[in-house]
Structures are given as C-alpha cells and as structure tokens.
C-alpha cells in the first residue's frame, strides 16, 4: 500500500500506514492526521460514550477540508 500524496510528489518509496476514513486513500505517517473519536452506544433511552476514545485517520486534504472555517 503506497501513500497517494507521496505518489503525487513522485516519492514512491513511502509505505502507507492507514486509509483515510473520509475518502479512502492510503496515507503515510507524514500525510496522516490521527484524531480522537468518541464511541457511542445506545443504552436505554440515550447514548453512552465509551471511556476510551477511538482513533480516526484522515489524509491531509480531508483534514484541511474539515477544519477550514
């Protein structure tokens, strides 16, 4: 699995560490943004959050799109 952004920069030797949860492209440790995500589950009438947050990997482009104001 090769990082898409590295391939665009003509660097094909970089191995991807994950897949962007938004667009599905492979991303390396230099282009990935790891965010915390709260895990919810239905308990009774409302939602409950887990004690340990999950990880969510997004590529640099999707991270910029999500955080643009």
C-alpha atoms as a PDB file:
ATOM      1  CA  UNK A   1       0.000   0.000   0.000  1.00  0.00           C
ATOM      2  CA  UNK A   2       1.582   3.289  -1.124  1.00  0.00           C
ATOM      3  CA  UNK A   3       0.680   6.773   0.103  1.00  0.00           C
ATOM      4  CA  UNK A   4      -1.344   8.648  -2.518  1.00  0.00           C
ATOM      5  CA  UNK A   5       0.083  12.079  -1.612  1.00  0.00           C
ATOM      6  CA  UNK A   6       3.664  10.757  -1.798  1.00  0.00           C
ATOM      7  CA  UNK A   7       2.954   9.295  -5.234  1.00  0.00           C
ATOM      8  CA  UNK A   8       1.762  12.749  -6.358  1.00  0.00           C
ATOM      9  CA  UNK A   9       5.093  14.155  -5.117  1.00  0.00           C
ATOM     10  CA  UNK A  10       6.991  11.445  -7.105  1.00  0.00           C
ATOM     11  CA  UNK A  11       8.080   9.670  -3.908  1.00  0.00           C
ATOM     12  CA  UNK A  12       7.038   6.054  -4.436  1.00  0.00           C
ATOM     13  CA  UNK A  13       9.181   4.515  -1.677  1.00  0.00           C
ATOM     14  CA  UNK A  14       6.890   5.560   1.208  1.00  0.00           C
ATOM     15  CA  UNK A  15       4.580   2.882   2.612  1.00  0.00           C
ATOM     16  CA  UNK A  16       1.112   3.857   3.813  1.00  0.00           C
ATOM     17  CA  UNK A  17       0.124   3.361   7.460  1.00  0.00           C
ATOM     18  CA  UNK A  18      -3.632   3.683   7.093  1.00  0.00           C
ATOM     19  CA  UNK A  19      -6.629   4.538   4.962  1.00  0.00           C
ATOM     20  CA  UNK A  20      -8.422   7.878   5.180  1.00  0.00           C
ATOM     21  CA  UNK A  21     -11.838   7.381   6.783  1.00  0.00           C
ATOM     22  CA  UNK A  22     -13.392  10.042   4.517  1.00  0.00           C
ATOM     23  CA  UNK A  23     -12.032   9.492   1.011  1.00  0.00           C
ATOM     24  CA  UNK A  24     -10.483   6.018   1.285  1.00  0.00           C
ATOM     25  CA  UNK A  25      -6.997   6.878   0.001  1.00  0.00           C
ATOM     26  CA  UNK A  26      -3.891   5.323   1.553  1.00  0.00           C
ATOM     27  CA  UNK A  27      -1.819   7.740   3.610  1.00  0.00           C
ATOM     28  CA  UNK A  28       1.635   7.644   5.232  1.00  0.00           C
ATOM     29  CA  UNK A  29       2.694   8.895   8.658  1.00  0.00           C
ATOM     30  CA  UNK A  30       3.757  12.259   7.186  1.00  0.00           C
ATOM     31  CA  UNK A  31       0.417  12.952   5.493  1.00  0.00           C
ATOM     32  CA  UNK A  32      -1.937  11.297   8.006  1.00  0.00           C
ATOM     33  CA  UNK A  33      -3.794  13.119  10.757  1.00  0.00           C
ATOM     34  CA  UNK A  34      -4.904  10.906  13.630  1.00  0.00           C
ATOM     35  CA  UNK A  35      -7.892  12.267  15.537  1.00  0.00           C
ATOM     36  CA  UNK A  36      -9.817  11.002  18.525  1.00  0.00           C
ATOM     37  CA  UNK A  37     -13.399   9.902  18.008  1.00  0.00           C
ATOM     38  CA  UNK A  38     -15.882   9.176  20.775  1.00  0.00           C
ATOM     39  CA  UNK A  39     -17.584   5.812  20.531  1.00  0.00           C
ATOM     40  CA  UNK A  40     -21.291   5.858  21.343  1.00  0.00           C
ATOM     41  CA  UNK A  41     -23.695   3.051  22.024  1.00  0.00           C
ATOM     42  CA  UNK A  42     -27.377   3.027  22.812  1.00  0.00           C
ATOM     43  CA  UNK A  43     -28.203   2.332  26.446  1.00  0.00           C
ATOM     44  CA  UNK A  44     -31.815   2.709  27.470  1.00  0.00           C
ATOM     45  CA  UNK A  45     -33.279   5.992  26.253  1.00  0.00           C
ATOM     46  CA  UNK A  46     -29.991   7.772  25.481  1.00  0.00           C
ATOM     47  CA  UNK A  47     -26.496   7.323  24.165  1.00  0.00           C
ATOM     48  CA  UNK A  48     -23.495   6.483  26.310  1.00  0.00           C
ATOM     49  CA  UNK A  49     -19.901   7.318  25.456  1.00  0.00           C
ATOM     50  CA  UNK A  50     -17.101   4.800  25.897  1.00  0.00           C
ATOM     51  CA  UNK A  51     -14.304   5.594  28.332  1.00  0.00           C
ATOM     52  CA  UNK A  52     -11.534   5.092  25.761  1.00  0.00           C
ATOM     53  CA  UNK A  53     -11.699   7.199  22.587  1.00  0.00           C
ATOM     54  CA  UNK A  54     -11.125   5.508  19.246  1.00  0.00           C
ATOM     55  CA  UNK A  55      -8.675   6.668  16.573  1.00  0.00           C
ATOM     56  CA  UNK A  56      -9.747   8.101  13.250  1.00  0.00           C
ATOM     57  CA  UNK A  57      -7.224   8.511  10.417  1.00  0.00           C
ATOM     58  CA  UNK A  58      -7.765  11.186   7.778  1.00  0.00           C
ATOM     59  CA  UNK A  59      -5.476  12.349   4.990  1.00  0.00           C
ATOM     60  CA  UNK A  60      -4.016  15.852   4.932  1.00  0.00           C
ATOM     61  CA  UNK A  61      -6.503  17.067   2.299  1.00  0.00           C
ATOM     62  CA  UNK A  62      -9.582  15.841   4.172  1.00  0.00           C
ATOM     63  CA  UNK A  63      -8.224  17.247   7.445  1.00  0.00           C
ATOM     64  CA  UNK A  64      -7.846  20.679   5.840  1.00  0.00           C
ATOM     65  CA  UNK A  65     -11.385  20.455   4.432  1.00  0.00           C
ATOM     66  CA  UNK A  66     -12.847  19.506   7.821  1.00  0.00           C
ATOM     67  CA  UNK A  67     -11.019  22.189   9.780  1.00  0.00           C
ATOM     68  CA  UNK A  68     -11.464  25.074   7.291  1.00  0.00           C
ATOM     69  CA  UNK A  69     -13.530  27.884   8.751  1.00  0.00           C
END
